[in-house]
């Protein structure tokens, strides 16, 4: 199961304090109690957007039979969320992901890096046509865009974000002005991404509490 969460900081905390607690405390707690196959935190650095972090989660398929929201592991994590998040504002979406085969692309980069998120409103276009259009446009910048993927959100995403898809771009030379010209684009947001390597996720996992 792949999910994307919009996370807001507690009103009395600065963005830096929120980011420090998430990366130095909370994420380690979550990794101990959930068998993540993927765990990525994207902290907002620039752009007009309300949330402070967009996190991407993928859990081990072995948990499919468990009620995660009532589990002991979830209760531990929820208690710690009160230290730095505004839990009432958290929004969660399921998504379908497509990696674009760019000439110089590198799929699934890990570790810390700067990225751009390009929010799209595809206006009913099929996923195949959106993928084809974006790939054609992004290939114009294959020398500077290192990797890109599209996350197609469930329909609820349109109301919450005024977007139904998001393009993740690892980009070196070009900036937000170029990405704002991307087909279907409504907004461009700069983020600092922290994607924990899979081997680290496995080593840090101690056990799931039902």
Foldseek 3Di string as FASTA:
>chain_A
DKKKKFWAWDPVDDLVVLVCCVVVPLVLLLLQAFLWQWWKWWAFDDWDDHTGIMIMTDGDPVCVVDPVCPFPSNVVSVVVCVVITDVVPMDMWDWDKDWADEPQADPPDAFKAKKKKFFFAPPPDDPVVLNVLQNVLCNVVSVFWHTKMKIATDPVCCVVPVGRMIMITRGDDDDPVSVCPGPRTDIMTMTIMHMDDSVVSVVSHNYHGD
